[in-house]
Amino acid sequence: ARRVGEKDPEAAGAATVQAMILGAAVAAVLGVLGV
């Protein structure tokens, strides 16, 4: 939201990708422990 408000869509997209990377790493750890 802050990057879009600043009219910087490329930075907004970069933040989205890094969130996906973090989410995938955490999901793998939690999945193994839970199963």
Full PDB file with SEQRES, HELIX, SHEET, SSBOND, CRYST1, ORIGX, SCALE, CONECT and MASTER records, all heavy atoms in Angstrom:
SEQRES   1 A   35  ALA ARG ARG VAL GLY GLU LYS ASP PRO GLU ALA ALA GLY          
SEQRES   2 A   35  ALA ALA THR VAL GLN ALA MET ILE LEU GLY ALA ALA VAL          
SEQRES   3 A   35  ALA ALA VAL LEU GLY VAL LEU GLY VAL                          
HELIX    1 AA1 ARG A    2  GLY A    5  1                                   4    
HELIX    2 AA2 PRO A    9  GLY A   34  1                                  26    
CRYST1    1.000    1.000    1.000  90.00  90.00  90.00 P 1           1          
ORIGX1      1.000000  0.000000  0.000000        0.00000                         
ORIGX2      0.000000  1.000000  0.000000        0.00000                         
ORIGX3      0.000000  0.000000  1.000000        0.00000                         
SCALE1      1.000000  0.000000  0.000000        0.00000                         
SCALE2      0.000000  1.000000  0.000000        0.00000                         
SCALE3      0.000000  0.000000  1.000000        0.00000                         
ATOM      1  N   ALA A   1       0.826  -1.209   0.000  1.00  0.00           N  
ATOM      2  CA  ALA A   1       0.000   0.000   0.000  1.00  0.00           C  
ATOM      3  C   ALA A   1       0.861   1.261   0.000  1.00  0.00           C  
ATOM      4  O   ALA A   1       0.576   2.229  -0.727  1.00  0.00           O  
ATOM      5  CB  ALA A   1      -0.929   0.001   1.211  1.00  0.00           C  
ATOM      6  N   ARG A   2       1.926   1.255   0.809  1.00  0.00           N  
ATOM      7  CA  ARG A   2       2.800   2.447   0.860  1.00  0.00           C  
ATOM      8  C   ARG A   2       3.496   2.661  -0.479  1.00  0.00           C  
ATOM      9  O   ARG A   2       3.586   3.798  -0.961  1.00  0.00           O  
ATOM     10  CB  ARG A   2       3.818   2.267   1.981  1.00  0.00           C  
ATOM     11  CG  ARG A   2       4.659   3.509   2.276  1.00  0.00           C  
ATOM     12  CD  ARG A   2       3.835   4.633   2.879  1.00  0.00           C  
ATOM     13  NE  ARG A   2       3.373   4.331   4.212  1.00  0.00           N  
ATOM     14  CZ  ARG A   2       3.978   4.733   5.341  1.00  0.00           C  
ATOM     15  NH1 ARG A   2       5.083   5.461   5.269  1.00  0.00           N  
ATOM     16  NH2 ARG A   2       3.462   4.440   6.526  1.00  0.00           N  
ATOM     17  N   ARG A   3       3.985   1.587  -1.107  1.00  0.00           N  
ATOM     18  CA  ARG A   3       4.663   1.720  -2.401  1.00  0.00           C  
ATOM     19  C   ARG A   3       3.693   2.166  -3.504  1.00  0.00           C  
ATOM     20  O   ARG A   3       4.052   2.980  -4.360  1.00  0.00           O  
ATOM     21  CB  ARG A   3       5.310   0.390  -2.803  1.00  0.00           C  
ATOM     22  CG  ARG A   3       6.365  -0.143  -1.855  1.00  0.00           C  
ATOM     23  CD  ARG A   3       7.624   0.732  -1.828  1.00  0.00           C  
ATOM     24  NE  ARG A   3       7.539   1.784  -0.840  1.00  0.00           N  
ATOM     25  CZ  ARG A   3       7.832   1.628   0.457  1.00  0.00           C  
ATOM     26  NH1 ARG A   3       8.196   0.460   0.920  1.00  0.00           N  
ATOM     27  NH2 ARG A   3       7.754   2.657   1.269  1.00  0.00           N  
ATOM     28  N   VAL A   4       2.464   1.640  -3.473  1.00  0.00           N  
ATOM     29  CA  VAL A   4       1.480   2.065  -4.467  1.00  0.00           C  
ATOM     30  C   VAL A   4       1.122   3.531  -4.263  1.00  0.00           C  
ATOM     31  O   VAL A   4       0.978   4.290  -5.224  1.00  0.00           O  
ATOM     32  CB  VAL A   4       0.220   1.174  -4.394  1.00  0.00           C  
ATOM     33  CG1 VAL A   4      -0.905   1.749  -5.251  1.00  0.00           C  
ATOM     34  CG2 VAL A   4       0.554  -0.246  -4.868  1.00  0.00           C  
ATOM     35  N   GLY A   5       0.981   3.939  -3.000  1.00  0.00           N  
ATOM     36  CA  GLY A   5       0.712   5.348  -2.719  1.00  0.00           C  
ATOM     37  C   GLY A   5       1.831   6.252  -3.192  1.00  0.00           C  
ATOM     38  O   GLY A   5       1.600   7.404  -3.578  1.00  0.00           O  
ATOM     39  N   GLU A   6       3.054   5.729  -3.185  1.00  0.00           N  
ATOM     40  CA  GLU A   6       4.218   6.475  -3.667  1.00  0.00           C  
ATOM     41  C   GLU A   6       4.401   6.354  -5.179  1.00  0.00           C  
ATOM     42  O   GLU A   6       5.383   6.865  -5.723  1.00  0.00           O  
ATOM     43  CB  GLU A   6       5.479   5.966  -2.969  1.00  0.00           C  
ATOM     44  CG  GLU A   6       5.503   6.235  -1.468  1.00  0.00           C  
ATOM     45  CD  GLU A   6       6.628   5.496  -0.752  1.00  0.00           C  
ATOM     46  OE1 GLU A   6       7.260   4.616  -1.384  1.00  0.00           O  
ATOM     47  OE2 GLU A   6       6.866   5.799   0.430  1.00  0.00           O  
ATOM     48  N   LYS A   7       3.499   5.638  -5.848  1.00  0.00           N  
ATOM     49  CA  LYS A   7       3.554   5.422  -7.299  1.00  0.00           C  
ATOM     50  C   LYS A   7       4.807   4.642  -7.703  1.00  0.00           C  
ATOM     51  O   LYS A   7       5.490   4.966  -8.680  1.00  0.00           O  
ATOM     52  CB  LYS A   7       3.502   6.765  -8.062  1.00  0.00           C  
ATOM     53  CG  LYS A   7       2.390   7.702  -7.619  1.00  0.00           C  
ATOM     54  CD  LYS A   7       1.017   7.072  -7.731  1.00  0.00           C  
ATOM     55  CE  LYS A   7      -0.088   8.039  -7.279  1.00  0.00           C  
ATOM     56  NZ  LYS A   7      -1.426   7.395  -7.236  1.00  0.00           N  
ATOM     57  N   ASP A   8       5.103   3.567  -6.966  1.00  0.00           N  
ATOM     58  CA  ASP A   8       6.261   2.716  -7.243  1.00  0.00           C  
ATOM     59  C   ASP A   8       5.793   1.262  -7.359  1.00  0.00           C  
ATOM     60  O   ASP A   8       6.018   0.440  -6.462  1.00  0.00           O  
ATOM     61  CB  ASP A   8       7.293   2.861  -6.123  1.00  0.00           C  
ATOM     62  CG  ASP A   8       8.629   2.199  -6.467  1.00  0.00           C  
ATOM     63  OD1 ASP A   8       8.704   1.545  -7.531  1.00  0.00           O  
ATOM     64  OD2 ASP A   8       9.577   2.317  -5.668  1.00  0.00           O  
ATOM     65  N   PRO A   9       5.144   0.887  -8.473  1.00  0.00           N  
ATOM     66  CA  PRO A   9       4.586  -0.463  -8.611  1.00  0.00           C  
ATOM     67  C   PRO A   9       5.644  -1.554  -8.651  1.00  0.00           C  
ATOM     68  O   PRO A   9       5.371  -2.692  -8.248  1.00  0.00           O  
ATOM     69  CB  PRO A   9       3.808  -0.390  -9.926  1.00  0.00           C  
ATOM     70  CG  PRO A   9       4.440   0.731 -10.694  1.00  0.00           C  
ATOM     71  CD  PRO A   9       4.877   1.729  -9.658  1.00  0.00           C  
ATOM     72  N   GLU A  10       6.852  -1.260  -9.147  1.00  0.00           N  
ATOM     73  CA  GLU A  10       7.885  -2.287  -9.196  1.00  0.00           C  
ATOM     74  C   GLU A  10       8.286  -2.735  -7.789  1.00  0.00           C  
ATOM     75  O   GLU A  10       8.480  -3.923  -7.530  1.00  0.00           O  
ATOM     76  CB  GLU A  10       9.105  -1.759  -9.959  1.00  0.00           C  
ATOM     77  CG  GLU A  10       8.865  -1.591 -11.450  1.00  0.00           C  
ATOM     78  CD  GLU A  10      10.137  -1.231 -12.194  1.00  0.00           C  
ATOM     79  OE1 GLU A  10      11.207  -1.197 -11.550  1.00  0.00           O  
ATOM     80  OE2 GLU A  10      10.059  -0.994 -13.412  1.00  0.00           O  
ATOM     81  N   ALA A  11       8.411  -1.778  -6.871  1.00  0.00           N  
ATOM     82  CA  ALA A  11       8.742  -2.119  -5.487  1.00  0.00           C  
ATOM     83  C   ALA A  11       7.613  -2.915  -4.841  1.00  0.00           C  
ATOM     84  O   ALA A  11       7.848  -3.810  -4.028  1.00  0.00           O  
ATOM     85  CB  ALA A  11       9.033  -0.852  -4.686  1.00  0.00           C  
ATOM     86  N   ALA A  12       6.380  -2.605  -5.202  1.00  0.00           N  
ATOM     87  CA  ALA A  12       5.236  -3.350  -4.668  1.00  0.00           C  
ATOM     88  C   ALA A  12       5.287  -4.803  -5.132  1.00  0.00           C  
ATOM     89  O   ALA A  12       5.045  -5.732  -4.351  1.00  0.00           O  
ATOM     90  CB  ALA A  12       3.934  -2.693  -5.111  1.00  0.00           C  
ATOM     91  N   GLY A  13       5.618  -5.018  -6.402  1.00  0.00           N  
ATOM     92  CA  GLY A  13       5.734  -6.373  -6.919  1.00  0.00           C  
ATOM     93  C   GLY A  13       6.876  -7.136  -6.273  1.00  0.00           C  
ATOM     94  O   GLY A  13       6.751  -8.329  -5.971  1.00  0.00           O  
ATOM     95  N   ALA A  14       8.001  -6.458  -6.035  1.00  0.00           N  
ATOM     96  CA  ALA A  14       9.146  -7.110  -5.404  1.00  0.00           C  
ATOM     97  C   ALA A  14       8.802  -7.571  -3.991  1.00  0.00           C  
ATOM     98  O   ALA A  14       9.172  -8.680  -3.574  1.00  0.00           O  
ATOM     99  CB  ALA A  14      10.331  -6.155  -5.364  1.00  0.00           C  
ATOM    100  N   ALA A  15       8.084  -6.753  -3.254  1.00  0.00           N  
ATOM    101  CA  ALA A  15       7.684  -7.136  -1.897  1.00  0.00           C  
ATOM    102  C   ALA A  15       6.771  -8.355  -1.916  1.00  0.00           C  
ATOM    103  O   ALA A  15       6.861  -9.240  -1.050  1.00  0.00           O  
ATOM    104  CB  ALA A  15       6.982  -5.966  -1.213  1.00  0.00           C  
ATOM    105  N   THR A  16       5.910  -8.443  -2.901  1.00  0.00           N  
ATOM    106  CA  THR A  16       5.000  -9.589  -3.026  1.00  0.00           C  
ATOM    107  C   THR A  16       5.772 -10.883  -3.254  1.00  0.00           C  
ATOM    108  O   THR A  16       5.468 -11.920  -2.646  1.00  0.00           O  
ATOM    109  CB  THR A  16       4.013  -9.353  -4.177  1.00  0.00           C  
ATOM    110  OG1 THR A  16       3.290  -8.134  -3.942  1.00  0.00           O  
ATOM    111  CG2 THR A  16       3.034 -10.506  -4.304  1.00  0.00           C  
ATOM    112  N   VAL A  17       6.785 -10.841  -4.118  1.00  0.00           N  
ATOM    113  CA  VAL A  17       7.586 -12.035  -4.396  1.00  0.00           C  
ATOM    114  C   VAL A  17       8.325 -12.502  -3.151  1.00  0.00           C  
ATOM    115  O   VAL A  17       8.363 -13.705  -2.826  1.00  0.00           O  
ATOM    116  CB  VAL A  17       8.581 -11.761  -5.540  1.00  0.00           C  
ATOM    117  CG1 VAL A  17       9.558 -12.932  -5.688  1.00  0.00           C  
ATOM    118  CG2 VAL A  17       7.843 -11.535  -6.845  1.00  0.00           C  
ATOM    119  N   GLN A  18       8.920 -11.570  -2.411  1.00  0.00           N  
ATOM    120  CA  GLN A  18       9.662 -11.957  -1.216  1.00  0.00           C  
ATOM    121  C   GLN A  18       8.741 -12.551  -0.158  1.00  0.00           C  
ATOM    122  O   GLN A  18       9.124 -13.464   0.582  1.00  0.00           O  
ATOM    123  CB  GLN A  18      10.419 -10.747  -0.654  1.00  0.00           C  
ATOM    124  CG  GLN A  18      11.351 -10.072  -1.633  1.00  0.00           C  
ATOM    125  CD  GLN A  18      12.197 -11.064  -2.429  1.00  0.00           C  
ATOM    126  OE1 GLN A  18      12.913 -11.889  -1.858  1.00  0.00           O  
ATOM    127  NE2 GLN A  18      12.102 -11.001  -3.755  1.00  0.00           N  
ATOM    128  N   ALA A  19       7.503 -12.057  -0.087  1.00  0.00           N  
ATOM    129  CA  ALA A  19       6.524 -12.638   0.839  1.00  0.00           C  
ATOM    130  C   ALA A  19       6.205 -14.077   0.456  1.00  0.00           C  
ATOM    131  O   ALA A  19       6.065 -14.948   1.326  1.00  0.00           O  
ATOM    132  CB  ALA A  19       5.253 -11.795   0.849  1.00  0.00           C  
ATOM    133  N   MET A  20       6.116 -14.338  -0.829  1.00  0.00           N  
ATOM    134  CA  MET A  20       5.854 -15.707  -1.293  1.00  0.00           C  
ATOM    135  C   MET A  20       7.006 -16.637  -0.917  1.00  0.00           C  
ATOM    136  O   MET A  20       6.780 -17.787  -0.505  1.00  0.00           O  
ATOM    137  CB  MET A  20       5.638 -15.706  -2.805  1.00  0.00           C  
ATOM    138  CG  MET A  20       4.354 -14.995  -3.250  1.00  0.00           C  
ATOM    139  SD  MET A  20       4.325 -14.660  -5.040  1.00  0.00           S  
ATOM    140  CE  MET A  20       4.481 -16.322  -5.698  1.00  0.00           C  
ATOM    141  N   ILE A  21       8.225 -16.171  -1.032  1.00  0.00           N  
ATOM    142  CA  ILE A  21       9.389 -16.985  -0.676  1.00  0.00           C  
ATOM    143  C   ILE A  21       9.372 -17.311   0.814  1.00  0.00           C  
ATOM    144  O   ILE A  21       9.578 -18.463   1.228  1.00  0.00           O  
ATOM    145  CB  ILE A  21      10.690 -16.251  -1.059  1.00  0.00           C  
ATOM    146  CG1 ILE A  21      10.790 -16.113  -2.585  1.00  0.00           C  
ATOM    147  CG2 ILE A  21      11.913 -16.984  -0.495  1.00  0.00           C  
ATOM    148  CD1 ILE A  21      11.951 -15.251  -3.054  1.00  0.00           C  
ATOM    149  N   LEU A  22       9.129 -16.301   1.629  1.00  0.00           N  
ATOM    150  CA  LEU A  22       9.051 -16.516   3.074  1.00  0.00           C  
ATOM    151  C   LEU A  22       7.941 -17.497   3.426  1.00  0.00           C  
ATOM    152  O   LEU A  22       8.112 -18.403   4.246  1.00  0.00           O  
ATOM    153  CB  LEU A  22       8.803 -15.181   3.787  1.00  0.00           C  
ATOM    154  CG  LEU A  22       9.994 -14.251   3.972  1.00  0.00           C  
ATOM    155  CD1 LEU A  22       9.521 -12.912   4.532  1.00  0.00           C  
ATOM    156  CD2 LEU A  22      11.024 -14.870   4.901  1.00  0.00           C  
ATOM    157  N   GLY A  23       6.766 -17.294   2.816  1.00  0.00           N  
ATOM    158  CA  GLY A  23       5.627 -18.158   3.099  1.00  0.00           C  
ATOM    159  C   GLY A  23       5.900 -19.609   2.755  1.00  0.00           C  
ATOM    160  O   GLY A  23       5.538 -20.524   3.517  1.00  0.00           O  
ATOM    161  N   ALA A  24       6.552 -19.848   1.615  1.00  0.00           N  
ATOM    162  CA  ALA A  24       6.846 -21.222   1.199  1.00  0.00           C  
ATOM    163  C   ALA A  24       7.807 -21.902   2.165  1.00  0.00           C  
ATOM    164  O   ALA A  24       7.643 -23.085   2.504  1.00  0.00           O  
ATOM    165  CB  ALA A  24       7.441 -21.215  -0.209  1.00  0.00           C  
ATOM    166  N   ALA A  25       8.802 -21.168   2.642  1.00  0.00           N  
ATOM    167  CA  ALA A  25       9.776 -21.746   3.576  1.00  0.00           C  
ATOM    168  C   ALA A  25       9.106 -22.120   4.895  1.00  0.00           C  
ATOM    169  O   ALA A  25       9.336 -23.217   5.441  1.00  0.00           O  
ATOM    170  CB  ALA A  25      10.914 -20.753   3.820  1.00  0.00           C  
ATOM    171  N   VAL A  26       8.288 -21.228   5.414  1.00  0.00           N  
ATOM    172  CA  VAL A  26       7.619 -21.502   6.688  1.00  0.00           C  
ATOM    173  C   VAL A  26       6.625 -22.651   6.546  1.00  0.00           C  
ATOM    174  O   VAL A  26       6.505 -23.505   7.431  1.00  0.00           O  
ATOM    175  CB  VAL A  26       6.909 -20.226   7.194  1.00  0.00           C  
ATOM    176  CG1 VAL A  26       6.063 -20.539   8.421  1.00  0.00           C  
ATOM    177  CG2 VAL A  26       7.928 -19.151   7.523  1.00  0.00           C  
ATOM    178  N   ALA A  27       5.916 -22.698   5.431  1.00  0.00           N  
ATOM    179  CA  ALA A  27       4.924 -23.757   5.211  1.00  0.00           C  
ATOM    180  C   ALA A  27       5.578 -25.133   5.211  1.00  0.00           C  
ATOM    181  O   ALA A  27       5.009 -26.110   5.729  1.00  0.00           O  
ATOM    182  CB  ALA A  27       4.190 -23.522   3.893  1.00  0.00           C  
ATOM    183  N   ALA A  28       6.773 -25.237   4.646  1.00  0.00           N  
ATOM    184  CA  ALA A  28       7.468 -26.527   4.603  1.00  0.00           C  
ATOM    185  C   ALA A  28       7.796 -27.013   6.015  1.00  0.00           C  
ATOM    186  O   ALA A  28       7.585 -28.191   6.348  1.00  0.00           O  
ATOM    187  CB  ALA A  28       8.741 -26.400   3.778  1.00  0.00           C  
ATOM    188  N   VAL A  29       8.285 -26.115   6.860  1.00  0.00           N  
ATOM    189  CA  VAL A  29       8.644 -26.497   8.232  1.00  0.00           C  
ATOM    190  C   VAL A  29       7.413 -26.903   9.031  1.00  0.00           C  
ATOM    191  O   VAL A  29       7.378 -27.956   9.683  1.00  0.00           O  
ATOM    192  CB  VAL A  29       9.375 -25.332   8.934  1.00  0.00           C  
ATOM    193  CG1 VAL A  29       9.622 -25.681  10.397  1.00  0.00           C  
ATOM    194  CG2 VAL A  29      10.688 -25.024   8.227  1.00  0.00           C  
ATOM    195  N   LEU A  30       6.366 -26.083   8.983  1.00  0.00           N  
ATOM    196  CA  LEU A  30       5.152 -26.378   9.736  1.00  0.00           C  
ATOM    197  C   LEU A  30       4.476 -27.653   9.236  1.00  0.00           C  
ATOM    198  O   LEU A  30       3.909 -28.424  10.019  1.00  0.00           O  
ATOM    199  CB  LEU A  30       4.183 -25.202   9.644  1.00  0.00           C  
ATOM    200  CG  LEU A  30       4.615 -23.911  10.339  1.00  0.00           C  
ATOM    201  CD1 LEU A  30       3.596 -22.807  10.082  1.00  0.00           C  
ATOM    202  CD2 LEU A  30       4.783 -24.136  11.834  1.00  0.00           C  
ATOM    203  N   GLY A  31       4.541 -27.877   7.929  1.00  0.00           N  
ATOM    204  CA  GLY A  31       3.918 -29.067   7.364  1.00  0.00           C  
ATOM    205  C   GLY A  31       4.558 -30.348   7.868  1.00  0.00           C  
ATOM    206  O   GLY A  31       3.866 -31.295   8.251  1.00  0.00           O  
ATOM    207  N   VAL A  32       5.882 -30.391   7.892  1.00  0.00           N  
ATOM    208  CA  VAL A  32       6.585 -31.584   8.356  1.00  0.00           C  
ATOM    209  C   VAL A  32       6.270 -31.857   9.827  1.00  0.00           C  
ATOM    210  O   VAL A  32       5.955 -32.989  10.233  1.00  0.00           O  
ATOM    211  CB  VAL A  32       8.106 -31.421   8.148  1.00  0.00           C  
ATOM    212  CG1 VAL A  32       8.861 -32.551   8.851  1.00  0.00           C  
ATOM    213  CG2 VAL A  32       8.442 -31.409   6.659  1.00  0.00           C  
ATOM    214  N   LEU A  33       6.333 -30.820  10.657  1.00  0.00           N  
ATOM    215  CA  LEU A  33       6.072 -31.000  12.088  1.00  0.00           C  
ATOM    216  C   LEU A  33       4.639 -31.449  12.342  1.00  0.00           C  
ATOM    217  O   LEU A  33       4.383 -32.324  13.174  1.00  0.00           O  
ATOM    218  CB  LEU A  33       6.348 -29.684  12.832  1.00  0.00           C  
ATOM    219  CG  LEU A  33       7.808 -29.229  12.882  1.00  0.00           C  
ATOM    220  CD1 LEU A  33       7.909 -27.869  13.554  1.00  0.00           C  
ATOM    221  CD2 LEU A  33       8.658 -30.248  13.626  1.00  0.00           C  
ATOM    222  N   GLY A  34       3.684 -30.854  11.636  1.00  0.00           N  
ATOM    223  CA  GLY A  34       2.287 -31.188  11.855  1.00  0.00           C  
ATOM    224  C   GLY A  34       1.932 -32.595  11.426  1.00  0.00           C  
ATOM    225  O   GLY A  34       1.169 -33.291  12.102  1.00  0.00           O  
ATOM    226  N   VAL A  35       2.483 -33.052  10.308  1.00  0.00           N  
ATOM    227  CA  VAL A  35       2.176 -34.398   9.810  1.00  0.00           C  
ATOM    228  C   VAL A  35       2.759 -35.463  10.728  1.00  0.00           C  
ATOM    229  O   VAL A  35       2.122 -36.475  11.037  1.00  0.00           O  
ATOM    230  CB  VAL A  35       2.702 -34.567   8.372  1.00  0.00           C  
ATOM    231  CG1 VAL A  35       2.617 -36.016   7.937  1.00  0.00           C  
ATOM    232  CG2 VAL A  35       1.905 -33.687   7.412  1.00  0.00           C  
TER     233      VAL A  35                                                      
MASTER        0    0    0    2    0    0    0    6  232    1    0    3          
END                                                                             
